Amino acid sequence: MGWRIVHIKEGELLRLKLDNVEIVKLSKKVYVPLSDINMIILEGNRTTITTKLLVGLSHNNIGLVICDDKYLPVGMYLPYGQYHHAAKRVIEQAQWTTEQKAIMWRQVIGQKMKNQVAFARYKGIEQERLEIMEHLIVELTDGDLTNREGHVAKVYFDSLFGNSFTRDDEVLANYAMNFGYAIERSCVARCVVGDGLNSMLGIFHHNEFNSFNLADDLMEPFRPLMDYWIDKQVLAQDDYLSYEARIKLIDFMNQTMIINRQQMSMDHVMQLFVQSFITAMTTNDPTALLEIKLQDFI
C-alpha cells in the first residue's frame, strides 16, 4: 500500500523505469518507487507521460490528478477492473435498494453534519447557532428528504464567513476549499474503484453527467476535516492560494488521526471508511460504517 502523494509542477517527462516513476525536469532525473505512491498530482502544461507508466499506475492502484492553469484539479485517471471480484461487487452494488441507500445516506451525511458542528464549536461560534445546527441534525431522516444537510450548511458557512458569504465568491477560503475538496474526492474515488465499486452509482448523488457520484457521497464526512486544515494551515498564514498553500492542502492526506485507538494516515482512514461502507451495505447493518470524527483529527 502506497503512502506518498507525489506533486509534480512543470515536469517535462514522466515514464516507467524498473517499477519506478522517472521524473525528468531541467535535465535532472528523480525516481520514486511505484509501491510508495498512492496518488500523483500534475500541474503545468508541458508534461509528457508514457502509456507504459499509465499501465504501471493502474496495476498499482495509483490515481493521477491533472490540474488546470488555475491549479484546480480538473481530471482524474483511475485504475479499471483491478479488483479481483469487480463484476460480483458491481452486480451487488446495482442491487442495493432505495431503502438501503436512504438509510446509509442518513449515516454518512449525519457524520458530516456532526463534524461541521464540531468545527463551528472549535471556532467559537455562538451557542445559539450551534443549537440550531444540532436541532437540525435531530430532524435528519432516512434519505434526508427535508434537506437538513443543506440547512446546516447554510448556518455553518454563515457562522464561519458571514451572512453574505456564498461558495461562489472569489475569495481565498473558496479557492482553498475547492482545491482541498478536489484532493479528498480524488483520494476517495481511488479507494472506491480500488475496492471494486462503480464510482458512478451513488447512494444519494445521481447526476447522470457525474462519473464520481459515489465518491461525492463518501467524501462528505471528511469535508469539515479539510475545513479545519484550511483554517489552520492556509487562512491563518496565506493571502492567496500560492504554491506553498497548495502543498499544505495536499499534505492533508499525510496527516494522521486516531481510529479505534490506532494512529493512521488519512489515506488509510479513507480506505477503512470505504471498506466499512461496503460491509454496512452487504450486511444491511448501517452501524458497521466507520465513524469519522473531527475530534479524532484535531
Foldseek 3Di string as FASTA:
>chain_A
DAQDEAEDEPWQEWEDDPQWTWTHDPNDTDTHHLLHAAEYEYHDDRYDYDVRVLVSCQLSLHKYFYADPVRFTDDIDTHAPNAPPLVVLAVLLVPQDLQLLQQLLLVQLLLLLQQLLVVLVVVVQDPVLSVVSVVLNVVQDRNRPVPSSVVSVQSSCCRVPNNVDDLPDPAQLNVQLSRLVSLQLNLLQSLQVNNNYQQQRDSRDNPPVDRRRNSVSNSSSVSSLLSVQCVPQPPVPHRHCDPVNSVSSNCQQQAWFAFPNDTDGNSVVSNVQSVQVSVCRVVVNSVSGGRDHSVRRD
